[in-house]
Amino acid sequence: MQIGVCDDQKEIREMILDKVKKFYPMEELIAYSSGQEILESLHLPDILFLDIQMPEMDGMETARELRKRDRHMIIIFVTVAKHYVFQSFDVDAFHYLVKPFADQKFAEVLQNAVRRFQEKSMEQMNFKKEQPSLMVTSKGEHIAIPFQDIVYAEVFNRKIIIHTMDADIEYYGKMKELEHKAGEDFYRPHRAYLINFNFVRKYNATTICLKKGQAFMAKQNYQDFVKCYLRFNQRKGKE
């Protein structure tokens, strides 16, 4: 587990890090002096204490950008300003600590955040065990891709590119085989594309816009696509 602190004031960063160390001395702690610094990091922490009032890029803007990369990070705002509390809901913040805060309150929030992280980790582990996956070989590595994570697949230069929210994975294969394995949550609107109904945002007779990227629609497949998407939504509604 990684716990980060992002604050432009060094003394505040060190104060929060010291408090975290008292409860979790064995965990990896990371300090950031600005929103830009954390956004440029290759790896993001699991739990982040984030100041709101920082120069250049404030904490709220930083949180919005972080959410584009990580939907599961536990964000705890730490600020002297109370009036941002309602905006914190927009970025799914875990808590909102107002400076100065009591040690007891900090400990309570931190321990609850760690408990939430542990619960989510267990849920993800159990979910992945139950989840059917596609095994592919890409650049010499064997990769298991849960079908539920696939936004869409496309054929490009005789390769299939699997697009998830976090990665684009290329491998040599046949779209027909992938279509057969993928199951009823998927549809092939065009010979070069296979889309996951769960990620559809809008569509017309030529294009399907997904949560990430888009796919082309073959004219002759449009009516069938509409019928299948309707059946998908009806089935999901019953579930």
C-alpha atoms as a PDB file:
ATOM      1  CA  MET A   1       0.000   0.000   0.000  1.00  0.00           C
ATOM      2  CA  GLN A   2       1.288   3.469  -0.915  1.00  0.00           C
ATOM      3  CA  ILE A   3       0.158   6.605   0.919  1.00  0.00           C
ATOM      4  CA  GLY A   4       0.903  10.019  -0.596  1.00  0.00           C
ATOM      5  CA  VAL A   5       0.778  13.597   0.662  1.00  0.00           C
ATOM      6  CA  CYS A   6       0.489  16.481  -1.797  1.00  0.00           C
ATOM      7  CA  ASP A   7       0.927  19.977  -0.319  1.00  0.00           C
ATOM      8  CA  ASP A   8       2.971  22.959  -1.478  1.00  0.00           C
ATOM      9  CA  GLN A   9       4.091  23.706   2.105  1.00  0.00           C
ATOM     10  CA  LYS A  10       6.969  21.491   3.229  1.00  0.00           C
ATOM     11  CA  GLU A  11       6.135  21.722   6.920  1.00  0.00           C
ATOM     12  CA  ILE A  12       2.562  20.559   6.287  1.00  0.00           C
ATOM     13  CA  ARG A  13       3.751  17.637   4.142  1.00  0.00           C
ATOM     14  CA  GLU A  14       6.187  16.510   6.808  1.00  0.00           C
ATOM     15  CA  MET A  15       3.621  16.930   9.578  1.00  0.00           C
ATOM     16  CA  ILE A  16       1.086  14.693   7.803  1.00  0.00           C
ATOM     17  CA  LEU A  17       3.739  12.135   6.862  1.00  0.00           C
ATOM     18  CA  ASP A  18       4.867  11.942  10.496  1.00  0.00           C
ATOM     19  CA  LYS A  19       1.291  11.306  11.606  1.00  0.00           C
ATOM     20  CA  VAL A  20       0.876   8.542   9.019  1.00  0.00           C
ATOM     21  CA  LYS A  21       4.177   6.905  10.069  1.00  0.00           C
ATOM     22  CA  LYS A  22       2.947   6.563  13.648  1.00  0.00           C
ATOM     23  CA  PHE A  23       0.133   4.284  12.528  1.00  0.00           C
ATOM     24  CA  TYR A  24       1.652   2.609   9.446  1.00  0.00           C
ATOM     25  CA  PRO A  25       5.452   2.665   9.778  1.00  0.00           C
ATOM     26  CA  MET A  26       5.948  -0.182   7.294  1.00  0.00           C
ATOM     27  CA  GLU A  27       3.975   1.332   4.409  1.00  0.00           C
ATOM     28  CA  GLU A  28       5.532   3.255   1.523  1.00  0.00           C
ATOM     29  CA  LEU A  29       5.050   7.021   1.899  1.00  0.00           C
ATOM     30  CA  ILE A  30       5.417   9.503  -0.953  1.00  0.00           C
ATOM     31  CA  ALA A  31       5.535  13.328  -0.817  1.00  0.00           C
ATOM     32  CA  TYR A  32       4.518  15.685  -3.631  1.00  0.00           C
ATOM     33  CA  SER A  33       4.996  19.456  -3.624  1.00  0.00           C
ATOM     34  CA  SER A  34       2.458  20.243  -6.357  1.00  0.00           C
ATOM     35  CA  GLY A  35      -0.426  18.851  -8.342  1.00  0.00           C
ATOM     36  CA  GLN A  36       1.731  18.830 -11.457  1.00  0.00           C
ATOM     37  CA  GLU A  37       4.340  16.668  -9.731  1.00  0.00           C
ATOM     38  CA  ILE A  38       1.877  13.933  -8.852  1.00  0.00           C
ATOM     39  CA  LEU A  39       0.297  14.019 -12.307  1.00  0.00           C
ATOM     40  CA  GLU A  40       3.723  13.476 -13.869  1.00  0.00           C
ATOM     41  CA  SER A  41       4.358  10.419 -11.683  1.00  0.00           C
ATOM     42  CA  LEU A  42       4.345   7.020 -13.364  1.00  0.00           C
ATOM     43  CA  HIS A  43       2.782   5.338 -10.322  1.00  0.00           C
ATOM     44  CA  LEU A  44       0.028   6.843  -8.203  1.00  0.00           C
ATOM     45  CA  PRO A  45      -0.520   6.191  -4.479  1.00  0.00           C
ATOM     46  CA  ASP A  46      -3.444   4.156  -3.195  1.00  0.00           C
ATOM     47  CA  ILE A  47      -4.375   6.819  -0.618  1.00  0.00           C
ATOM     48  CA  LEU A  48      -3.667  10.520  -1.143  1.00  0.00           C
ATOM     49  CA  PHE A  49      -3.890  13.450   1.272  1.00  0.00           C
ATOM     50  CA  LEU A  50      -4.368  16.396  -1.081  1.00  0.00           C
ATOM     51  CA  ASP A  51      -4.223  20.113  -0.298  1.00  0.00           C
ATOM     52  CA  ILE A  52      -6.721  22.240  -2.234  1.00  0.00           C
ATOM     53  CA  GLN A  53      -5.205  25.722  -2.147  1.00  0.00           C
ATOM     54  CA  MET A  54      -1.970  25.350  -4.100  1.00  0.00           C
ATOM     55  CA  PRO A  55      -0.432  27.712  -6.694  1.00  0.00           C
ATOM     56  CA  GLU A  56      -0.738  27.045 -10.438  1.00  0.00           C
ATOM     57  CA  MET A  57      -2.857  23.872 -10.259  1.00  0.00           C
ATOM     58  CA  ASP A  58      -5.085  23.645  -7.189  1.00  0.00           C
ATOM     59  CA  GLY A  59      -6.089  20.406  -5.490  1.00  0.00           C
ATOM     60  CA  MET A  60      -9.561  20.250  -6.991  1.00  0.00           C
ATOM     61  CA  GLU A  61      -8.219  20.485 -10.551  1.00  0.00           C
ATOM     62  CA  THR A  62      -5.526  17.945  -9.664  1.00  0.00           C
ATOM     63  CA  ALA A  63      -8.166  15.543  -8.348  1.00  0.00           C
ATOM     64  CA  ARG A  64     -10.211  15.841 -11.552  1.00  0.00           C
ATOM     65  CA  GLU A  65      -7.146  14.927 -13.615  1.00  0.00           C
ATOM     66  CA  LEU A  66      -6.245  12.068 -11.271  1.00  0.00           C
ATOM     67  CA  ARG A  67      -9.726  10.601 -11.635  1.00  0.00           C
ATOM     68  CA  LYS A  68      -9.120  10.251 -15.370  1.00  0.00           C
ATOM     69  CA  ARG A  69      -6.225   7.899 -14.577  1.00  0.00           C
ATOM     70  CA  ASP A  70      -7.417   6.183 -11.431  1.00  0.00           C
ATOM     71  CA  ARG A  71     -11.046   5.700 -10.450  1.00  0.00           C
ATOM     72  CA  HIS A  72     -10.168   3.840  -7.256  1.00  0.00           C
ATOM     73  CA  MET A  73      -7.633   6.102  -5.555  1.00  0.00           C
ATOM     74  CA  ILE A  74      -8.783   7.196  -2.084  1.00  0.00           C
ATOM     75  CA  ILE A  75      -8.526  10.987  -2.010  1.00  0.00           C
ATOM     76  CA  ILE A  76      -8.654  12.896   1.267  1.00  0.00           C
ATOM     77  CA  PHE A  77      -8.689  16.672   0.943  1.00  0.00           C
ATOM     78  CA  VAL A  78      -6.772  18.626   3.600  1.00  0.00           C
ATOM     79  CA  THR A  79      -7.464  22.371   3.554  1.00  0.00           C
ATOM     80  CA  VAL A  80      -8.246  25.459   5.598  1.00  0.00           C
ATOM     81  CA  ALA A  81     -11.143  26.336   3.271  1.00  0.00           C
ATOM     82  CA  LYS A  82     -14.537  24.861   4.109  1.00  0.00           C
ATOM     83  CA  HIS A  83     -16.371  26.115   1.034  1.00  0.00           C
ATOM     84  CA  TYR A  84     -14.888  23.475  -1.329  1.00  0.00           C
ATOM     85  CA  VAL A  85     -16.601  20.622   0.494  1.00  0.00           C
ATOM     86  CA  PHE A  86     -19.460  20.271  -1.981  1.00  0.00           C
ATOM     87  CA  GLN A  87     -17.077  20.256  -4.967  1.00  0.00           C
ATOM     88  CA  SER A  88     -15.250  17.352  -3.358  1.00  0.00           C
ATOM     89  CA  PHE A  89     -18.252  15.126  -4.070  1.00  0.00           C
ATOM     90  CA  ASP A  90     -17.716  15.684  -7.806  1.00  0.00           C
ATOM     91  CA  VAL A  91     -14.354  13.883  -7.655  1.00  0.00           C
ATOM     92  CA  ASP A  92     -15.584  11.178  -5.273  1.00  0.00           C
ATOM     93  CA  ALA A  93     -13.393  12.301  -2.377  1.00  0.00           C
ATOM     94  CA  PHE A  94     -13.270   9.940   0.599  1.00  0.00           C
ATOM     95  CA  HIS A  95     -13.083  12.696   3.225  1.00  0.00           C
ATOM     96  CA  TYR A  96     -12.559  16.412   3.736  1.00  0.00           C
ATOM     97  CA  LEU A  97     -10.275  17.419   6.624  1.00  0.00           C
ATOM     98  CA  VAL A  98     -10.268  21.075   7.637  1.00  0.00           C
ATOM     99  CA  LYS A  99      -7.046  22.456   9.132  1.00  0.00           C
ATOM    100  CA  PRO A 100      -6.287  22.564  11.963  1.00  0.00           C
ATOM    101  CA  PHE A 101      -7.599  19.092  12.801  1.00  0.00           C
ATOM    102  CA  ALA A 102      -7.274  17.024  15.962  1.00  0.00           C
ATOM    103  CA  ASP A 103      -4.963  14.006  16.029  1.00  0.00           C
ATOM    104  CA  GLN A 104      -7.905  11.795  16.929  1.00  0.00           C
ATOM    105  CA  LYS A 105      -9.866  12.941  13.881  1.00  0.00           C
ATOM    106  CA  PHE A 106      -6.889  12.413  11.577  1.00  0.00           C
ATOM    107  CA  ALA A 107      -6.330   8.915  12.947  1.00  0.00           C
ATOM    108  CA  GLU A 108      -9.986   8.048  12.451  1.00  0.00           C
ATOM    109  CA  VAL A 109     -10.006   9.229   8.822  1.00  0.00           C
ATOM    110  CA  LEU A 110      -6.696   7.521   8.012  1.00  0.00           C
ATOM    111  CA  GLN A 111      -7.729   4.189   9.520  1.00  0.00           C
ATOM    112  CA  ASN A 112     -11.077   4.282   7.729  1.00  0.00           C
ATOM    113  CA  ALA A 113      -9.283   5.017   4.449  1.00  0.00           C
ATOM    114  CA  VAL A 114      -6.917   2.077   4.950  1.00  0.00           C
ATOM    115  CA  ARG A 115      -9.874  -0.154   5.771  1.00  0.00           C
ATOM    116  CA  ARG A 116     -11.612   0.988   2.580  1.00  0.00           C
ATOM    117  CA  PHE A 117      -8.474   0.275   0.551  1.00  0.00           C
ATOM    118  CA  GLN A 118      -8.191  -3.225   2.008  1.00  0.00           C
ATOM    119  CA  GLU A 119     -11.857  -3.956   1.302  1.00  0.00           C
ATOM    120  CA  LYS A 120     -11.536  -2.748  -2.296  1.00  0.00           C
ATOM    121  CA  SER A 121      -8.390  -4.826  -2.788  1.00  0.00           C
ATOM    122  CA  MET A 122     -10.194  -7.957  -1.596  1.00  0.00           C
ATOM    123  CA  GLU A 123     -13.183  -7.206  -3.828  1.00  0.00           C
ATOM    124  CA  GLN A 124     -10.926  -6.744  -6.863  1.00  0.00           C
ATOM    125  CA  MET A 125      -9.047  -9.971  -6.119  1.00  0.00           C
ATOM    126  CA  ASN A 126     -12.279 -11.947  -5.804  1.00  0.00           C
ATOM    127  CA  PHE A 127     -13.724 -10.278  -8.891  1.00  0.00           C
ATOM    128  CA  LYS A 128     -10.668 -11.124 -10.988  1.00  0.00           C
ATOM    129  CA  LYS A 129     -10.774 -14.751  -9.828  1.00  0.00           C
ATOM    130  CA  GLU A 130     -14.369 -15.057 -11.005  1.00  0.00           C
ATOM    131  CA  GLN A 131     -13.911 -12.994 -14.148  1.00  0.00           C
ATOM    132  CA  PRO A 132     -13.335 -14.767 -17.486  1.00  0.00           C
ATOM    133  CA  SER A 133     -10.180 -13.494 -19.172  1.00  0.00           C
ATOM    134  CA  LEU A 134      -8.546 -13.417 -22.577  1.00  0.00           C
ATOM    135  CA  MET A 135      -4.963 -14.675 -22.571  1.00  0.00           C
ATOM    136  CA  VAL A 136      -2.757 -13.040 -25.216  1.00  0.00           C
ATOM    137  CA  THR A 137       0.943 -12.799 -26.000  1.00  0.00           C
ATOM    138  CA  SER A 138       2.124  -9.235 -26.547  1.00  0.00           C
ATOM    139  CA  LYS A 139       5.769  -8.192 -26.997  1.00  0.00           C
ATOM    140  CA  GLY A 140       6.967 -11.447 -25.488  1.00  0.00           C
ATOM    141  CA  GLU A 141       4.731 -11.225 -22.426  1.00  0.00           C
ATOM    142  CA  HIS A 142       1.712 -13.397 -21.599  1.00  0.00           C
ATOM    143  CA  ILE A 143      -1.122 -11.135 -20.454  1.00  0.00           C
ATOM    144  CA  ALA A 144      -4.528 -12.035 -19.030  1.00  0.00           C
ATOM    145  CA  ILE A 145      -7.126  -9.397 -19.930  1.00  0.00           C
ATOM    146  CA  PRO A 146     -10.505  -9.666 -18.155  1.00  0.00           C
ATOM    147  CA  PHE A 147     -13.224  -9.399 -20.797  1.00  0.00           C
ATOM    148  CA  GLN A 148     -15.079  -6.977 -18.543  1.00  0.00           C
ATOM    149  CA  ASP A 149     -12.147  -4.529 -18.859  1.00  0.00           C
ATOM    150  CA  ILE A 150     -12.166  -4.491 -22.659  1.00  0.00           C
ATOM    151  CA  VAL A 151     -13.736  -1.279 -24.010  1.00  0.00           C
ATOM    152  CA  TYR A 152     -13.321  -2.322 -27.634  1.00  0.00           C
ATOM    153  CA  ALA A 153     -11.002  -4.168 -29.980  1.00  0.00           C
ATOM    154  CA  GLU A 154      -9.908  -3.203 -33.480  1.00  0.00           C
ATOM    155  CA  VAL A 155      -7.907  -4.698 -36.314  1.00  0.00           C
ATOM    156  CA  PHE A 156      -4.864  -2.659 -37.373  1.00  0.00           C
ATOM    157  CA  ASN A 157      -1.966  -3.774 -39.583  1.00  0.00           C
ATOM    158  CA  ARG A 158      -2.946  -7.456 -39.254  1.00  0.00           C
ATOM    159  CA  LYS A 159      -2.898  -7.148 -35.451  1.00  0.00           C
ATOM    160  CA  ILE A 160      -5.726  -6.893 -32.937  1.00  0.00           C
ATOM    161  CA  ILE A 161      -5.512  -3.973 -30.517  1.00  0.00           C
ATOM    162  CA  ILE A 162      -7.376  -4.447 -27.243  1.00  0.00           C
ATOM    163  CA  HIS A 163      -8.351  -1.121 -25.692  1.00  0.00           C
ATOM    164  CA  THR A 164      -9.024  -0.993 -21.955  1.00  0.00           C
ATOM    165  CA  MET A 165      -9.432   2.170 -19.891  1.00  0.00           C
ATOM    166  CA  ASP A 166      -5.796   1.896 -18.790  1.00  0.00           C
ATOM    167  CA  ALA A 167      -3.918   0.324 -21.701  1.00  0.00           C
ATOM    168  CA  ASP A 168      -3.795  -0.581 -25.402  1.00  0.00           C
ATOM    169  CA  ILE A 169      -2.518  -4.120 -25.982  1.00  0.00           C
ATOM    170  CA  GLU A 170      -1.525  -5.462 -29.408  1.00  0.00           C
ATOM    171  CA  TYR A 171      -1.372  -9.136 -30.345  1.00  0.00           C
ATOM    172  CA  TYR A 172      -1.621 -11.374 -33.386  1.00  0.00           C
ATOM    173  CA  GLY A 173      -5.008 -13.017 -33.597  1.00  0.00           C
ATOM    174  CA  LYS A 174      -8.302 -13.261 -35.464  1.00  0.00           C
ATOM    175  CA  MET A 175     -11.255 -11.003 -34.721  1.00  0.00           C
ATOM    176  CA  LYS A 176     -13.701 -13.847 -35.393  1.00  0.00           C
ATOM    177  CA  GLU A 177     -12.100 -15.925 -32.614  1.00  0.00           C
ATOM    178  CA  LEU A 178     -12.157 -12.995 -30.206  1.00  0.00           C
ATOM    179  CA  GLU A 179     -15.803 -12.310 -31.036  1.00  0.00           C
ATOM    180  CA  HIS A 180     -16.681 -15.937 -30.266  1.00  0.00           C
ATOM    181  CA  LYS A 181     -14.861 -15.882 -26.909  1.00  0.00           C
ATOM    182  CA  ALA A 182     -16.089 -12.458 -25.774  1.00  0.00           C
ATOM    183  CA  GLY A 183     -19.730 -13.359 -25.145  1.00  0.00           C
ATOM    184  CA  GLU A 184     -23.075 -11.584 -25.267  1.00  0.00           C
ATOM    185  CA  ASP A 185     -21.897  -8.254 -23.827  1.00  0.00           C
ATOM    186  CA  PHE A 186     -19.963  -7.657 -27.059  1.00  0.00           C
ATOM    187  CA  TYR A 187     -21.022  -6.775 -30.593  1.00  0.00           C
ATOM    188  CA  ARG A 188     -19.191  -6.521 -33.911  1.00  0.00           C
ATOM    189  CA  PRO A 189     -20.617  -3.449 -35.678  1.00  0.00           C
ATOM    190  CA  HIS A 190     -17.921  -3.439 -38.360  1.00  0.00           C
ATOM    191  CA  ARG A 191     -15.514  -6.088 -39.618  1.00  0.00           C
ATOM    192  CA  ALA A 192     -12.624  -4.205 -37.993  1.00  0.00           C
ATOM    193  CA  TYR A 193     -14.245  -3.540 -34.600  1.00  0.00           C
ATOM    194  CA  LEU A 194     -15.670  -5.403 -31.604  1.00  0.00           C
ATOM    195  CA  ILE A 195     -17.250  -3.253 -28.879  1.00  0.00           C
ATOM    196  CA  ASN A 196     -18.319  -3.852 -25.291  1.00  0.00           C
ATOM    197  CA  PHE A 197     -21.920  -2.698 -24.773  1.00  0.00           C
ATOM    198  CA  ASN A 198     -21.058  -1.701 -21.178  1.00  0.00           C
ATOM    199  CA  PHE A 199     -18.917   1.198 -22.445  1.00  0.00           C
ATOM    200  CA  VAL A 200     -21.270   2.620 -25.089  1.00  0.00           C
ATOM    201  CA  ARG A 201     -22.012   6.327 -24.535  1.00  0.00           C
ATOM    202  CA  LYS A 202     -23.830   7.263 -27.750  1.00  0.00           C
ATOM    203  CA  TYR A 203     -24.167   6.059 -31.326  1.00  0.00           C
ATOM    204  CA  ASN A 204     -25.570   6.806 -34.753  1.00  0.00           C
ATOM    205  CA  ALA A 205     -25.707   5.019 -38.078  1.00  0.00           C
ATOM    206  CA  THR A 206     -21.971   5.476 -38.707  1.00  0.00           C
ATOM    207  CA  THR A 207     -20.160   5.737 -35.350  1.00  0.00           C
ATOM    208  CA  ILE A 208     -20.279   4.336 -31.824  1.00  0.00           C
ATOM    209  CA  CYS A 209     -18.781   6.620 -29.160  1.00  0.00           C
ATOM    210  CA  LEU A 210     -17.430   4.701 -26.193  1.00  0.00           C
ATOM    211  CA  LYS A 211     -16.196   5.745 -22.794  1.00  0.00           C
ATOM    212  CA  LYS A 212     -12.747   5.602 -24.372  1.00  0.00           C
ATOM    213  CA  GLY A 213     -12.406   5.941 -28.141  1.00  0.00           C
ATOM    214  CA  GLN A 214     -14.889   5.148 -30.871  1.00  0.00           C
ATOM    215  CA  ALA A 215     -15.733   2.464 -33.416  1.00  0.00           C
ATOM    216  CA  PHE A 216     -17.199   2.560 -36.903  1.00  0.00           C
ATOM    217  CA  MET A 217     -20.631   1.167 -37.720  1.00  0.00           C
ATOM    218  CA  ALA A 218     -21.202  -0.697 -40.983  1.00  0.00           C
ATOM    219  CA  LYS A 219     -24.425   0.593 -42.531  1.00  0.00           C
ATOM    220  CA  GLN A 220     -25.927  -2.870 -42.916  1.00  0.00           C
ATOM    221  CA  ASN A 221     -25.358  -3.657 -39.212  1.00  0.00           C
ATOM    222  CA  TYR A 222     -27.065  -0.596 -37.731  1.00  0.00           C
ATOM    223  CA  GLN A 223     -30.581  -2.007 -37.238  1.00  0.00           C
ATOM    224  CA  ASP A 224     -29.257  -5.232 -35.763  1.00  0.00           C
ATOM    225  CA  PHE A 225     -26.954  -3.274 -33.451  1.00  0.00           C
ATOM    226  CA  VAL A 226     -29.893  -1.246 -32.129  1.00  0.00           C
ATOM    227  CA  LYS A 227     -31.885  -4.427 -31.427  1.00  0.00           C
ATOM    228  CA  CYS A 228     -28.978  -6.145 -29.683  1.00  0.00           C
ATOM    229  CA  TYR A 229     -28.162  -3.062 -27.609  1.00  0.00           C
ATOM    230  CA  LEU A 230     -31.798  -2.838 -26.530  1.00  0.00           C
ATOM    231  CA  ARG A 231     -31.759  -6.514 -25.473  1.00  0.00           C
ATOM    232  CA  PHE A 232     -28.492  -5.889 -23.595  1.00  0.00           C
ATOM    233  CA  ASN A 233     -30.038  -2.994 -21.644  1.00  0.00           C
ATOM    234  CA  GLN A 234     -33.152  -5.030 -20.871  1.00  0.00           C
ATOM    235  CA  ARG A 235     -30.995  -7.894 -19.603  1.00  0.00           C
ATOM    236  CA  LYS A 236     -28.860  -5.577 -17.470  1.00  0.00           C
ATOM    237  CA  GLY A 237     -32.005  -3.981 -16.073  1.00  0.00           C
ATOM    238  CA  LYS A 238     -33.241  -7.373 -14.878  1.00  0.00           C
ATOM    239  CA  GLU A 239     -29.877  -8.129 -13.291  1.00  0.00           C
END
